[in-house]
Amino acid sequence: MRGCSVRPADTVDGVGVSVDLDKWLADPRVRTVHRRAARTDPLSLWRAAETMRLSDAPSLGRIIRWRIEQTPPDLAFSELFRSYPFTLLAEGDQWSVSGLCGRIWTLARDYPRVDGPQEFAAWDQPGTVRVLFAHWVEGGDDGRSTLVSEARVKPVDRWADIRLRAMWAAVGRFERLIGAEALRVVTRRAEREHLGRGG
C-alpha cells in the first residue's frame, strides 16, 4: 500500500545532511510523502515549521487531539513529535525523525511508551505497528526551499498487517488532503515572513 507517494525518499536529503530512513523503518506497508515549496530560505522555512501549532492546521489538529487525548491546541508540532506517545529518534538543524508504536486502529489510546531509538528499532510486540515520521527541508538553487514530510507504517506480524490494511482502506483516501494541510500553512507563513523582511 502506498499513500500519496510524491517522490518517496529512502534518505532525508536535507540541507547539508543525508539520513537513511531505512535504518529506522525499511519496507513499510504504508508510506506517504508530502512536499511543498516556498519562496524563502531553508532556515526560515524550518523555523516556520518548528513553531507551527496544532490549532494552525484545524483538520489535522482535531484528528491528533481526538486520537491523543489531552493534547493542547496550542502545542507546537515540533513539541508533539518530541513527547509521548512519540519518541524522538534523531534530529539535526533542519530535520527530525520520530517514531510511535502500538495499535493505531483502535479507538483506545493504545500507545506503549517507547524509550528512545534503540527500543523503537527493536520493537516487536505482537499485534502492533511501528510508525515513523520524518520532516526536513531541502534547499534549491532558485531561491526556493521545500518542506518534506514522510510517514511510514510497518506491522510487526500478520495480524497487525490485516488490521492496518483494513484501516488504511477506510482512511487512506483522506490522507492526501489532511496530510498536506500543515505543509500548506507552514509554507504560506514562511513566505509572508520572507516578504515582510523585504525578501
Protein backbone atom coordinates (compact mmCIF):
# COMPACT_ATOMS: atom_id res chain seq x y z
CA MET A 1 0.00 0.00 0.00
CA ARG A 2 1.20 3.45 -0.79
CA GLY A 3 -0.26 6.77 0.17
CA CYS A 4 0.40 9.93 -1.77
CA SER A 5 3.85 8.82 -2.82
CA VAL A 6 5.19 12.07 -4.19
CA ARG A 7 8.82 11.03 -4.69
CA PRO A 8 9.19 8.67 -1.73
CA ALA A 9 12.64 9.08 -0.25
CA ASP A 10 14.85 6.46 1.28
CA THR A 11 17.08 9.18 2.69
CA VAL A 12 16.49 12.60 4.16
CA ASP A 13 18.42 14.74 1.70
CA GLY A 14 18.12 17.93 3.69
CA VAL A 15 20.37 20.92 3.73
CA GLY A 16 23.86 19.55 4.20
CA VAL A 17 22.70 16.21 5.60
CA SER A 18 21.60 12.78 4.41
CA VAL A 19 19.80 10.46 6.84
CA ASP A 20 18.90 6.89 5.92
CA LEU A 21 15.22 6.39 6.79
CA ASP A 22 15.53 2.68 6.05
CA LYS A 23 17.80 2.48 9.09
CA TRP A 24 14.74 3.20 11.18
CA LEU A 25 11.96 1.54 9.17
CA ALA A 26 12.62 -0.32 5.93
CA ASP A 27 10.00 -1.90 3.67
CA PRO A 28 6.93 -0.16 5.15
CA ARG A 29 3.43 -1.38 4.37
CA VAL A 30 2.18 2.23 4.16
CA ARG A 31 4.30 5.15 3.04
CA THR A 32 3.16 8.71 2.41
CA VAL A 33 5.22 11.69 1.30
CA HIS A 34 4.18 15.33 1.07
CA ARG A 35 6.33 18.09 -0.42
CA ARG A 36 5.67 21.81 -0.71
CA ALA A 37 7.97 24.55 -1.95
CA ALA A 38 8.16 28.11 -0.63
CA ARG A 39 9.88 31.27 -1.84
CA THR A 40 12.17 31.54 1.16
CA ASP A 41 15.45 30.20 2.51
CA PRO A 42 15.71 26.77 4.19
CA LEU A 43 16.31 28.10 7.70
CA SER A 44 13.26 30.38 7.62
CA LEU A 45 11.10 27.56 6.31
CA TRP A 46 12.28 25.21 9.05
CA ARG A 47 11.67 27.85 11.73
CA ALA A 48 8.11 28.27 10.46
CA ALA A 49 7.62 24.51 10.64
CA GLU A 50 9.07 24.28 14.15
CA THR A 51 6.76 26.98 15.54
CA MET A 52 3.54 25.85 13.90
CA ARG A 53 0.84 24.82 16.39
CA LEU A 54 -1.87 22.19 16.09
CA SER A 55 -4.51 24.92 16.01
CA ASP A 56 -2.85 26.38 12.90
CA ALA A 57 -3.89 23.26 10.94
CA PRO A 58 -7.51 22.79 12.10
CA SER A 59 -8.35 19.50 10.38
CA LEU A 60 -5.10 17.73 11.20
CA GLY A 61 -5.00 19.27 14.67
CA ARG A 62 -8.50 18.00 15.50
CA ILE A 63 -7.62 14.47 14.42
CA ILE A 64 -4.44 14.46 16.51
CA ARG A 65 -6.24 15.79 19.57
CA TRP A 66 -9.01 13.22 19.10
CA ARG A 67 -6.50 10.36 18.85
CA ILE A 68 -4.18 11.67 21.58
CA GLU A 69 -6.38 12.95 24.37
CA GLN A 70 -5.40 15.97 26.47
CA THR A 71 -3.17 17.36 23.74
CA PRO A 72 -3.47 21.17 23.95
CA PRO A 73 -4.35 23.01 20.72
CA ASP A 74 -1.51 25.49 21.21
CA LEU A 75 1.12 22.72 21.25
CA ALA A 76 3.74 23.12 18.54
CA PHE A 77 4.13 20.21 16.13
CA SER A 78 7.85 20.15 16.97
CA GLU A 79 7.00 19.50 20.63
CA LEU A 80 4.35 16.94 19.72
CA PHE A 81 6.89 14.78 17.91
CA ARG A 82 9.30 15.01 20.86
CA SER A 83 6.87 13.82 23.56
CA TYR A 84 4.76 10.77 24.42
CA PRO A 85 3.35 8.85 22.61
CA PHE A 86 6.08 9.80 20.12
CA THR A 87 9.77 9.36 20.71
CA LEU A 88 12.45 11.46 19.04
CA LEU A 89 14.79 9.16 17.13
CA ALA A 90 17.20 11.67 15.59
CA GLU A 91 17.34 15.34 14.65
CA GLY A 92 19.54 18.00 13.13
CA ASP A 93 19.41 21.70 12.37
CA GLN A 94 16.72 21.35 9.71
CA TRP A 95 15.37 17.82 10.04
CA SER A 96 13.86 15.42 12.57
CA VAL A 97 12.79 11.78 12.74
CA SER A 98 10.30 10.49 15.33
CA GLY A 99 8.57 7.19 15.98
CA LEU A 100 5.49 5.70 17.59
CA CYS A 101 4.46 2.11 18.31
CA GLY A 102 1.14 0.47 19.11
CA ARG A 103 -2.28 -0.44 17.76
CA ILE A 104 -3.14 2.66 15.76
CA TRP A 105 -6.50 1.30 14.55
CA THR A 106 -8.14 1.18 17.98
CA LEU A 107 -10.19 4.00 19.48
CA ALA A 108 -8.40 3.45 22.76
CA ARG A 109 -5.12 5.24 23.37
CA ASP A 110 -3.08 2.09 22.84
CA TYR A 111 0.42 3.55 22.51
CA PRO A 112 3.06 1.94 24.73
CA ARG A 113 5.84 4.22 25.88
CA VAL A 114 8.99 3.74 23.78
CA ASP A 115 12.17 4.96 25.44
CA GLY A 116 14.48 6.06 22.67
CA PRO A 117 15.74 4.96 19.28
CA GLN A 118 17.11 1.57 20.32
CA GLU A 119 13.79 0.43 21.75
CA PHE A 120 11.97 1.67 18.65
CA ALA A 121 14.32 -0.23 16.34
CA ALA A 122 13.91 -3.44 18.36
CA TRP A 123 10.14 -3.15 18.85
CA ASP A 124 8.41 -6.49 18.15
CA GLN A 125 5.30 -6.62 20.35
CA PRO A 126 2.75 -8.83 18.55
CA GLY A 127 -0.31 -7.19 17.03
CA THR A 128 1.24 -3.74 16.76
CA VAL A 129 2.88 -1.47 14.18
CA ARG A 130 5.85 0.84 14.15
CA VAL A 131 5.26 4.31 12.70
CA LEU A 132 8.00 6.66 11.50
CA PHE A 133 7.60 10.41 10.95
CA ALA A 134 10.37 12.33 9.17
CA HIS A 135 10.40 16.05 8.38
CA TRP A 136 13.10 18.01 6.63
CA VAL A 137 13.88 20.98 4.39
CA GLU A 138 15.59 20.85 1.01
CA GLY A 139 17.29 23.92 -0.42
CA GLY A 140 17.08 24.89 -4.07
CA ASP A 141 19.19 26.91 -6.48
CA ASP A 142 16.26 29.17 -7.39
CA GLY A 143 15.81 30.88 -4.02
CA ARG A 144 13.11 28.44 -3.04
CA SER A 145 13.11 25.76 -0.34
CA THR A 146 10.98 22.65 0.00
CA LEU A 147 9.46 21.25 3.17
CA VAL A 148 9.09 17.46 3.08
CA SER A 149 7.08 15.23 5.40
CA GLU A 150 7.23 11.44 5.16
CA ALA A 151 5.37 8.84 7.23
CA ARG A 152 5.96 5.09 7.21
CA VAL A 153 3.98 2.32 8.89
CA LYS A 154 5.14 -1.28 9.27
CA PRO A 155 3.22 -4.07 11.01
CA VAL A 156 5.06 -6.40 13.37
CA ASP A 157 3.12 -9.51 12.33
CA ARG A 158 0.39 -10.82 10.02
CA TRP A 159 -2.47 -9.94 12.38
CA ALA A 160 -1.30 -6.33 12.59
CA ASP A 161 -0.91 -6.29 8.81
CA ILE A 162 -4.55 -7.31 8.36
CA ARG A 163 -5.75 -4.62 10.76
CA LEU A 164 -3.57 -1.99 9.13
CA ARG A 165 -4.86 -2.86 5.65
CA ALA A 166 -8.46 -2.54 6.84
CA MET A 167 -7.78 0.80 8.50
CA TRP A 168 -5.92 2.20 5.50
CA ALA A 169 -8.73 1.16 3.15
CA ALA A 170 -11.05 3.38 5.19
CA VAL A 171 -8.86 6.41 5.86
CA GLY A 172 -6.15 6.34 3.19
CA ARG A 173 -8.17 8.29 0.63
CA PHE A 174 -8.44 11.26 3.02
CA GLU A 175 -4.74 11.32 3.87
CA ARG A 176 -3.71 13.42 0.86
CA LEU A 177 -5.96 16.31 1.88
CA ILE A 178 -5.40 16.20 5.63
CA GLY A 179 -1.71 15.34 5.50
CA ALA A 180 -0.90 18.24 3.19
CA GLU A 181 -2.70 20.83 5.31
CA ALA A 182 0.19 21.52 7.69
CA LEU A 183 2.72 21.98 4.88
CA ARG A 184 0.42 24.42 3.12
CA VAL A 185 0.07 26.52 6.27
CA VAL A 186 3.81 26.46 7.02
CA THR A 187 4.93 27.47 3.53
CA ARG A 188 2.43 30.33 3.35
CA ARG A 189 3.58 31.62 6.72
CA ALA A 190 7.24 31.38 5.75
CA GLU A 191 6.62 33.27 2.51
CA ARG A 192 4.72 36.03 4.33
CA GLU A 193 7.55 36.44 6.81
CA HIS A 194 10.08 36.44 3.96
CA LEU A 195 8.19 39.20 2.18
CA GLY A 196 7.87 41.12 5.44
CA ARG A 197 11.66 41.15 5.70
CA GLY A 198 11.87 42.56 2.20
CA GLY A 199 12.81 39.28 0.57
